[in-house]
Amino acid sequence: SNNSKYAVNERPVPTKASIIKEPTQIERVVLSFVVCDSRFNESLNVVKSVLLFSRVHIHLVIFADDNLRPKFNETLTKWKQITNNQLSFELHRVSFPQEHEQDWMNLFSKCAAQRLFIPELIPHIDAMIYVDTDTLFLGPVEELWHYFTQFNSSQMSAMALEDDNPNVSWYPRFAKHPFYGKFGLNSGVMLMNLTRMRTFGWVEYVTPIMLKWKLYIPWGDQDIINIIFHYHERAVHVLSCRYNYRSDQCMYGDACADATDRGIFLLHGSRRAFHNNKQPAFQAIYRAIDEYEIGTDPSKYVLTNMDRYFTDAPPSNCGNLKEAFLKVPTQTFSNLYPPPDR
C-alpha cells in the first residue's frame, strides 16, 4: 500500500499456523481498529489494556485519519521500545471505494464503515480481532484469540449477541431490516478470519446491501454485518456476552450471567459510557487504565485504582456488580505478577 512514510512497520508474513495452534503456543495476536476525529486517546487505551494483561506479541493494524497517523507512529514507536518489542504495528489510511465514497463516509459515524472493507485492504493478514475504539480488555487477549481454534468449517467470524432479552433488545423491536437470529449481533468486538471472508466474497456483498438498505440502518456497519449474517447464520460463532460487555448488560439488572459468574473479559463503553456520567462503573475502570503509563509497574497501582474509583463512584446498577468488573483483572494480575515468596 502507498501510505507515505507511515506505511508498514515490519509487514508480517501471513501464517495459517497463527490460527490453528493451541492456546499455549499462541505467539502473536493481530488486533485492528479504525480511528477518526476525536477517538485518538480512547484508542490508545485499547492498546494499553491489551499490553497490561498480556505477554504475547501484539501486532496492531490501524486505519486512521491523515492527521492521526503521525501521532500514532510517534506514540507506538515509543511504546514499542518501552515494551521491548512486544508491539508491532502498521498504519493505513482510511479509504473507501470511490464510487460511493460519500455514502460510506457518512454512514453511522465517519469511518466506521471502513471495517467492512478490511478483508481486501490487508491481504497479507490471515485473521484478526477487530474492536471498536471504546473497548477495554480486562484479561489476556490470547484467550479471545483462542476462539479462532473453535471455529467449525463454515464459520468465518465470531461476535456476541446485541442482547438476549426480547423486551429490551433493539433489533426485534425496532429494526426495519433483516438481522442475525432472534436478537442481532453487536459488532464492537469481531473475530475475523480474513482468509475465509475473502473466499466467501465478503466485500462484494457490502455495497449492494448498503445501497439497498441505507435509509433503514441507523447503526451503519453493524446493521450491514447483521444483514449479511441473517442470510448466512452458519458463518457466525456466537461469543459470550462477557467478551463484549456493555451497559445494557447491567443497567436494568444483571443481564449477562456468564460475566457475573466468570467475570467481564472485555468492557465495551458504547454510547459514550466511558465519558458521560451515566455509567460511573464504566468510567471507573476506564480512568484506571487511562492513568496507567506504559513502562511503569502496573502491579503496584492499577488494580488498587480500579477498586478505589469503583468504590468512590456514585451508586448504580452496574456498580452493584463490582466483583464481575474486577474478577478477571485480579486473576490475570495474580498470574502475571505472582506475589514474592516470603
Protein backbone atom coordinates (compact mmCIF):
# COMPACT_ATOMS: atom_id res chain seq x y z
CA SER A 1 0.00 0.00 0.00
CA ASN A 2 1.21 3.53 -0.64
CA ASN A 3 0.75 5.03 2.78
CA SER A 4 3.63 7.51 2.54
CA LYS A 5 6.26 7.08 5.22
CA TYR A 6 3.80 5.71 7.76
CA ALA A 7 3.22 2.65 5.68
CA VAL A 8 4.14 -0.58 7.28
CA ASN A 9 6.14 -1.41 10.32
CA GLU A 10 7.59 -4.86 9.69
CA ARG A 11 4.95 -6.36 7.46
CA PRO A 12 4.43 -9.84 8.87
CA VAL A 13 4.33 -12.97 6.78
CA PRO A 14 0.80 -14.37 6.80
CA THR A 15 0.65 -17.66 8.58
CA LYS A 16 -2.05 -20.28 8.79
CA ALA A 17 -0.43 -21.55 11.96
CA SER A 18 -1.46 -18.47 13.91
CA ILE A 19 -4.99 -19.77 13.79
CA ILE A 20 -4.71 -23.47 14.30
CA LYS A 21 -2.24 -23.57 17.15
CA GLU A 22 -3.33 -24.46 20.63
CA PRO A 23 -3.55 -21.60 23.14
CA THR A 24 -0.29 -22.40 24.92
CA GLN A 25 1.52 -21.73 21.67
CA ILE A 26 -0.13 -18.51 20.58
CA GLU A 27 2.84 -16.35 19.69
CA ARG A 28 1.19 -13.39 18.07
CA VAL A 29 -2.20 -11.77 18.13
CA VAL A 30 -3.38 -9.32 15.46
CA LEU A 31 -5.64 -6.54 16.71
CA SER A 32 -7.26 -3.92 14.50
CA PHE A 33 -9.30 -0.75 14.90
CA VAL A 34 -10.34 2.29 12.88
CA VAL A 35 -9.86 5.80 14.28
CA CYS A 36 -11.08 9.13 13.06
CA ASP A 37 -11.54 12.54 14.64
CA SER A 38 -11.63 12.63 18.41
CA ARG A 39 -11.06 9.00 19.35
CA PHE A 40 -7.25 9.02 19.47
CA ASN A 41 -6.77 8.84 23.26
CA GLU A 42 -9.57 6.35 23.62
CA SER A 43 -7.95 4.03 21.07
CA LEU A 44 -4.57 4.24 22.82
CA ASN A 45 -6.30 2.95 25.94
CA VAL A 46 -7.39 -0.12 23.99
CA VAL A 47 -3.70 -0.79 23.29
CA LYS A 48 -2.77 -0.09 26.92
CA SER A 49 -5.37 -2.53 28.16
CA VAL A 50 -4.04 -5.26 25.86
CA LEU A 51 -0.45 -4.69 26.99
CA LEU A 52 -1.48 -4.56 30.65
CA PHE A 53 -3.00 -8.02 30.71
CA SER A 54 -0.98 -9.99 28.18
CA ARG A 55 2.56 -11.08 27.42
CA VAL A 56 2.08 -12.27 23.82
CA HIS A 57 3.27 -10.28 20.83
CA ILE A 58 0.61 -7.83 19.67
CA HIS A 59 0.53 -6.75 16.04
CA LEU A 60 -1.71 -3.71 15.52
CA VAL A 61 -3.37 -2.92 12.21
CA ILE A 62 -4.69 0.63 12.47
CA PHE A 63 -6.74 2.59 9.95
CA ALA A 64 -6.63 6.30 10.76
CA ASP A 65 -7.21 9.85 9.56
CA ASP A 66 -4.29 11.58 7.87
CA ASN A 67 -3.72 13.85 10.86
CA LEU A 68 -3.69 10.94 13.34
CA ARG A 69 -1.25 8.61 11.58
CA PRO A 70 1.86 10.63 12.53
CA LYS A 71 0.63 10.77 16.14
CA PHE A 72 0.15 7.00 16.25
CA ASN A 73 3.55 6.49 14.69
CA GLU A 74 5.21 8.59 17.36
CA THR A 75 3.42 7.09 20.38
CA LEU A 76 3.51 3.47 19.25
CA THR A 77 7.19 3.65 18.28
CA LYS A 78 7.89 4.80 21.84
CA TRP A 79 5.74 2.07 23.35
CA LYS A 80 7.39 -0.50 21.13
CA GLN A 81 10.78 0.41 22.57
CA ILE A 82 9.49 0.54 26.16
CA THR A 83 7.80 -2.87 25.89
CA ASN A 84 10.87 -4.48 24.38
CA ASN A 85 9.14 -5.07 21.03
CA GLN A 86 6.05 -6.76 22.43
CA LEU A 87 4.30 -4.47 19.98
CA SER A 88 4.49 -4.09 16.21
CA PHE A 89 2.14 -2.04 14.09
CA GLU A 90 1.12 -0.94 10.64
CA LEU A 91 -0.79 2.24 9.82
CA HIS A 92 -3.18 2.59 6.92
CA ARG A 93 -5.16 5.50 5.58
CA VAL A 94 -8.92 5.36 5.63
CA SER A 95 -10.16 4.66 2.12
CA PHE A 96 -13.50 3.73 0.59
CA PRO A 97 -14.46 2.63 -2.91
CA GLN A 98 -14.64 5.88 -4.90
CA GLU A 99 -17.95 5.04 -6.47
CA HIS A 100 -19.99 5.58 -3.30
CA GLU A 101 -17.41 7.30 -1.14
CA GLN A 102 -19.74 9.94 0.36
CA ASP A 103 -22.36 7.36 1.28
CA TRP A 104 -19.71 5.36 3.11
CA MET A 105 -18.13 8.34 4.87
CA ASN A 106 -21.49 9.41 6.26
CA LEU A 107 -22.66 6.02 7.46
CA PHE A 108 -23.22 5.96 11.26
CA SER A 109 -20.03 7.75 12.29
CA LYS A 110 -17.30 8.90 9.96
CA CYS A 111 -15.02 5.99 9.13
CA ALA A 112 -16.96 3.31 11.00
CA ALA A 113 -17.71 1.56 7.71
CA GLN A 114 -14.00 1.13 6.95
CA ARG A 115 -14.05 -2.17 8.80
CA LEU A 116 -16.38 -3.67 6.16
CA PHE A 117 -13.60 -3.43 3.54
CA ILE A 118 -10.71 -4.67 5.68
CA PRO A 119 -10.54 -8.20 4.22
CA GLU A 120 -9.47 -6.78 0.84
CA LEU A 121 -7.32 -3.94 2.23
CA ILE A 122 -4.86 -6.15 4.11
CA PRO A 123 -4.43 -9.31 2.02
CA HIS A 124 -1.26 -10.22 3.95
CA ILE A 125 -3.21 -10.74 7.21
CA ASP A 126 -4.89 -14.09 7.76
CA ALA A 127 -7.01 -13.34 10.84
CA MET A 128 -7.51 -10.56 13.35
CA ILE A 129 -9.61 -9.33 16.23
CA TYR A 130 -11.42 -6.11 15.32
CA VAL A 131 -12.55 -3.85 18.17
CA ASP A 132 -14.34 -0.52 18.38
CA THR A 133 -12.18 2.16 20.00
CA ASP A 134 -14.49 2.33 23.03
CA THR A 135 -13.44 -1.10 24.31
CA LEU A 136 -11.05 -2.24 27.04
CA PHE A 137 -9.55 -5.67 27.56
CA LEU A 138 -9.63 -6.81 31.20
CA GLY A 139 -7.88 -10.13 30.56
CA PRO A 140 -5.24 -11.69 28.27
CA VAL A 141 -6.09 -11.11 24.61
CA GLU A 142 -4.89 -14.61 23.72
CA GLU A 143 -7.94 -16.06 25.49
CA LEU A 144 -10.16 -14.34 22.94
CA TRP A 145 -7.80 -15.26 20.07
CA HIS A 146 -8.17 -18.91 21.08
CA TYR A 147 -11.75 -18.86 19.76
CA PHE A 148 -10.36 -18.99 16.22
CA THR A 149 -9.42 -22.60 17.02
CA GLN A 150 -13.06 -23.29 17.96
CA PHE A 151 -14.50 -22.31 14.57
CA ASN A 152 -16.09 -25.12 12.58
CA SER A 153 -15.52 -25.26 8.84
CA SER A 154 -18.38 -22.88 7.98
CA GLN A 155 -17.58 -20.11 10.50
CA MET A 156 -15.66 -17.00 9.45
CA SER A 157 -16.44 -14.58 12.27
CA ALA A 158 -17.24 -14.52 15.99
CA MET A 159 -19.35 -11.89 17.80
CA ALA A 160 -21.58 -11.55 20.84
CA LEU A 161 -25.32 -11.01 20.54
CA GLU A 162 -26.66 -7.46 20.80
CA ASP A 163 -28.86 -8.75 23.61
CA ASP A 164 -30.81 -11.83 24.53
CA ASN A 165 -33.84 -10.22 26.12
CA PRO A 166 -36.76 -9.62 23.74
CA ASN A 167 -38.14 -6.85 25.97
CA VAL A 168 -35.13 -4.56 25.75
CA SER A 169 -33.43 -5.81 22.60
CA TRP A 170 -33.16 -3.22 19.82
CA TYR A 171 -33.35 -5.43 16.75
CA PRO A 172 -36.58 -7.39 17.28
CA ARG A 173 -38.37 -4.23 18.45
CA PHE A 174 -37.17 -1.57 16.02
CA ALA A 175 -35.15 -2.91 13.08
CA LYS A 176 -36.60 -2.37 9.62
CA HIS A 177 -34.02 -4.64 8.03
CA PRO A 178 -33.07 -8.34 8.33
CA PHE A 179 -30.72 -9.20 11.22
CA TYR A 180 -28.96 -12.21 12.71
CA GLY A 181 -31.05 -14.73 14.65
CA LYS A 182 -33.61 -13.54 17.18
CA PHE A 183 -31.63 -10.66 18.67
CA GLY A 184 -28.95 -9.47 16.24
CA LEU A 185 -25.19 -9.24 16.73
CA ASN A 186 -23.13 -6.47 18.32
CA SER A 187 -20.13 -5.83 16.11
CA GLY A 188 -18.00 -3.88 18.63
CA VAL A 189 -15.82 -6.97 19.06
CA MET A 190 -15.43 -9.11 15.97
CA LEU A 191 -13.07 -12.01 15.34
CA MET A 192 -12.44 -12.01 11.60
CA ASN A 193 -10.97 -14.99 9.77
CA LEU A 194 -9.99 -12.81 6.82
CA THR A 195 -8.92 -15.72 4.64
CA ARG A 196 -12.40 -17.23 4.89
CA MET A 197 -14.08 -13.85 4.45
CA ARG A 198 -12.14 -13.32 1.21
CA THR A 199 -13.10 -16.79 -0.01
CA PHE A 200 -16.73 -16.02 0.84
CA GLY A 201 -16.53 -12.80 -1.21
CA TRP A 202 -17.40 -10.56 1.75
CA VAL A 203 -16.56 -7.22 0.18
CA GLU A 204 -18.75 -7.91 -2.88
CA TYR A 205 -21.78 -8.16 -0.60
CA VAL A 206 -21.23 -4.91 1.19
CA THR A 207 -22.01 -2.16 -1.34
CA PRO A 208 -25.24 -3.61 -2.78
CA ILE A 209 -26.57 -4.09 0.76
CA MET A 210 -25.67 -0.53 1.76
CA LEU A 211 -27.37 0.90 -1.34
CA LYS A 212 -30.49 -1.16 -0.80
CA TRP A 213 -30.87 -0.50 2.94
CA LYS A 214 -29.08 2.81 3.57
CA LEU A 215 -32.24 4.62 4.71
CA TYR A 216 -33.03 1.89 7.24
CA ILE A 217 -29.73 1.22 9.00
CA PRO A 218 -29.21 3.57 11.96
CA TRP A 219 -26.21 1.58 13.24
CA GLY A 220 -24.43 1.60 9.89
CA ASP A 221 -21.71 -1.01 9.63
CA GLN A 222 -23.18 -3.15 12.42
CA ASP A 223 -26.51 -3.32 10.60
CA ILE A 224 -24.81 -4.33 7.35
CA ILE A 225 -22.97 -7.11 9.20
CA ASN A 226 -26.32 -8.25 10.64
CA ILE A 227 -27.97 -8.28 7.22
CA ILE A 228 -25.18 -10.43 5.75
CA PHE A 229 -25.27 -12.89 8.65
CA HIS A 230 -29.07 -13.04 8.59
CA TYR A 231 -28.64 -14.89 5.30
CA HIS A 232 -25.52 -16.81 6.43
CA GLU A 233 -26.21 -17.74 10.05
CA ARG A 234 -23.88 -20.71 9.95
CA ALA A 235 -20.93 -18.42 9.30
CA VAL A 236 -21.04 -16.92 12.83
CA HIS A 237 -19.58 -18.30 16.03
CA VAL A 238 -21.50 -16.65 18.88
CA LEU A 239 -19.38 -15.36 21.77
CA SER A 240 -20.49 -14.98 25.37
CA CYS A 241 -21.64 -11.51 26.48
CA ARG A 242 -18.57 -11.39 28.79
CA TYR A 243 -16.44 -10.71 25.69
CA ASN A 244 -18.47 -7.64 24.72
CA TYR A 245 -19.95 -6.29 27.93
CA ARG A 246 -21.99 -3.10 27.56
CA SER A 247 -24.03 -1.04 30.00
CA ASP A 248 -27.14 -2.76 28.55
CA GLN A 249 -25.89 -5.88 30.29
CA CYS A 250 -26.18 -4.31 33.75
CA MET A 251 -28.16 -1.07 33.80
CA TYR A 252 -31.55 -2.79 34.14
CA GLY A 253 -30.18 -5.52 36.40
CA ASP A 254 -27.88 -8.41 35.63
CA ALA A 255 -28.36 -9.45 32.01
CA CYS A 256 -25.14 -11.40 31.48
CA ALA A 257 -24.94 -14.30 33.89
CA ASP A 258 -21.68 -15.54 32.38
CA ALA A 259 -19.93 -12.28 33.29
CA THR A 260 -21.29 -12.37 36.83
CA ASP A 261 -20.08 -15.94 37.11
CA ARG A 262 -16.67 -15.77 35.39
CA GLY A 263 -16.01 -12.02 35.25
CA ILE A 264 -16.17 -9.44 32.46
CA PHE A 265 -13.41 -10.10 29.94
CA LEU A 266 -13.88 -7.13 27.64
CA LEU A 267 -15.70 -3.93 28.50
CA HIS A 268 -17.43 -2.02 25.69
CA GLY A 269 -18.34 1.55 26.59
CA SER A 270 -20.88 2.06 23.83
CA ARG A 271 -22.97 5.26 23.82
CA ARG A 272 -20.03 7.12 25.42
CA ALA A 273 -20.28 5.13 28.67
CA PHE A 274 -16.60 5.79 29.42
CA HIS A 275 -17.07 9.55 29.13
CA ASN A 276 -20.51 10.65 30.25
CA ASN A 277 -21.60 10.44 33.86
CA LYS A 278 -24.41 7.97 33.32
CA GLN A 279 -22.29 4.85 33.92
CA PRO A 280 -19.86 5.57 36.77
CA ALA A 281 -18.76 1.91 36.96
CA PHE A 282 -17.56 2.02 33.35
CA GLN A 283 -15.85 5.36 33.95
CA ALA A 284 -14.01 3.98 36.99
CA ILE A 285 -12.38 1.16 35.00
CA TYR A 286 -11.61 3.48 32.09
CA ARG A 287 -9.97 6.04 34.37
CA ALA A 288 -7.69 3.46 35.99
CA ILE A 289 -6.45 2.26 32.59
CA ASP A 290 -6.25 5.81 31.19
CA GLU A 291 -3.94 6.81 34.07
CA TYR A 292 -1.63 3.83 33.62
CA GLU A 293 1.64 4.78 31.95
CA ILE A 294 3.29 2.21 29.69
CA GLY A 295 6.64 1.28 31.21
CA THR A 296 5.67 1.76 34.85
CA ASP A 297 4.98 -1.25 37.07
CA PRO A 298 1.21 -1.74 36.92
CA SER A 299 1.13 -4.35 39.65
CA LYS A 300 1.60 -1.54 42.16
CA TYR A 301 -1.42 0.56 41.41
CA VAL A 302 -3.73 -0.38 38.52
CA LEU A 303 -5.94 -2.81 40.45
CA THR A 304 -5.90 -0.60 43.54
CA ASN A 305 -7.09 2.34 41.45
CA MET A 306 -9.79 0.28 39.77
CA ASP A 307 -11.06 -0.78 43.17
CA ARG A 308 -10.85 2.72 44.64
CA TYR A 309 -12.52 4.53 41.73
CA PHE A 310 -15.19 1.86 41.67
CA THR A 311 -15.86 2.21 45.40
CA ASP A 312 -15.90 6.02 45.20
CA ALA A 313 -18.30 6.07 42.24
CA PRO A 314 -21.93 7.09 42.77
CA PRO A 315 -24.17 4.02 43.17
CA SER A 316 -25.59 2.42 40.01
CA ASN A 317 -27.00 -0.92 38.91
CA CYS A 318 -23.77 -1.71 37.08
CA GLY A 319 -21.81 -0.67 40.16
CA ASN A 320 -23.59 -3.36 42.16
CA LEU A 321 -21.69 -5.94 40.12
CA LYS A 322 -18.24 -4.84 41.29
CA GLU A 323 -16.93 -8.37 41.51
CA ALA A 324 -17.79 -9.05 37.85
CA PHE A 325 -15.74 -5.98 36.83
CA LEU A 326 -12.68 -6.76 38.96
CA LYS A 327 -12.54 -10.55 38.82
CA VAL A 328 -10.67 -11.01 35.53
CA PRO A 329 -8.09 -8.21 36.01
CA THR A 330 -7.39 -9.52 39.51
CA GLN A 331 -6.92 -13.12 38.32
CA THR A 332 -4.81 -12.02 35.35
CA PHE A 333 -2.51 -9.90 37.52
CA SER A 334 -2.01 -12.70 40.02
CA ASN A 335 -0.80 -14.85 37.10
CA LEU A 336 1.40 -12.12 35.59
CA TYR A 337 2.80 -10.77 38.86
CA PRO A 338 2.93 -13.65 41.34
CA PRO A 339 3.48 -12.46 44.92
CA PRO A 340 7.11 -12.78 46.08
CA ASP A 341 7.93 -15.87 48.16
CA ARG A 342 8.03 -14.91 51.79
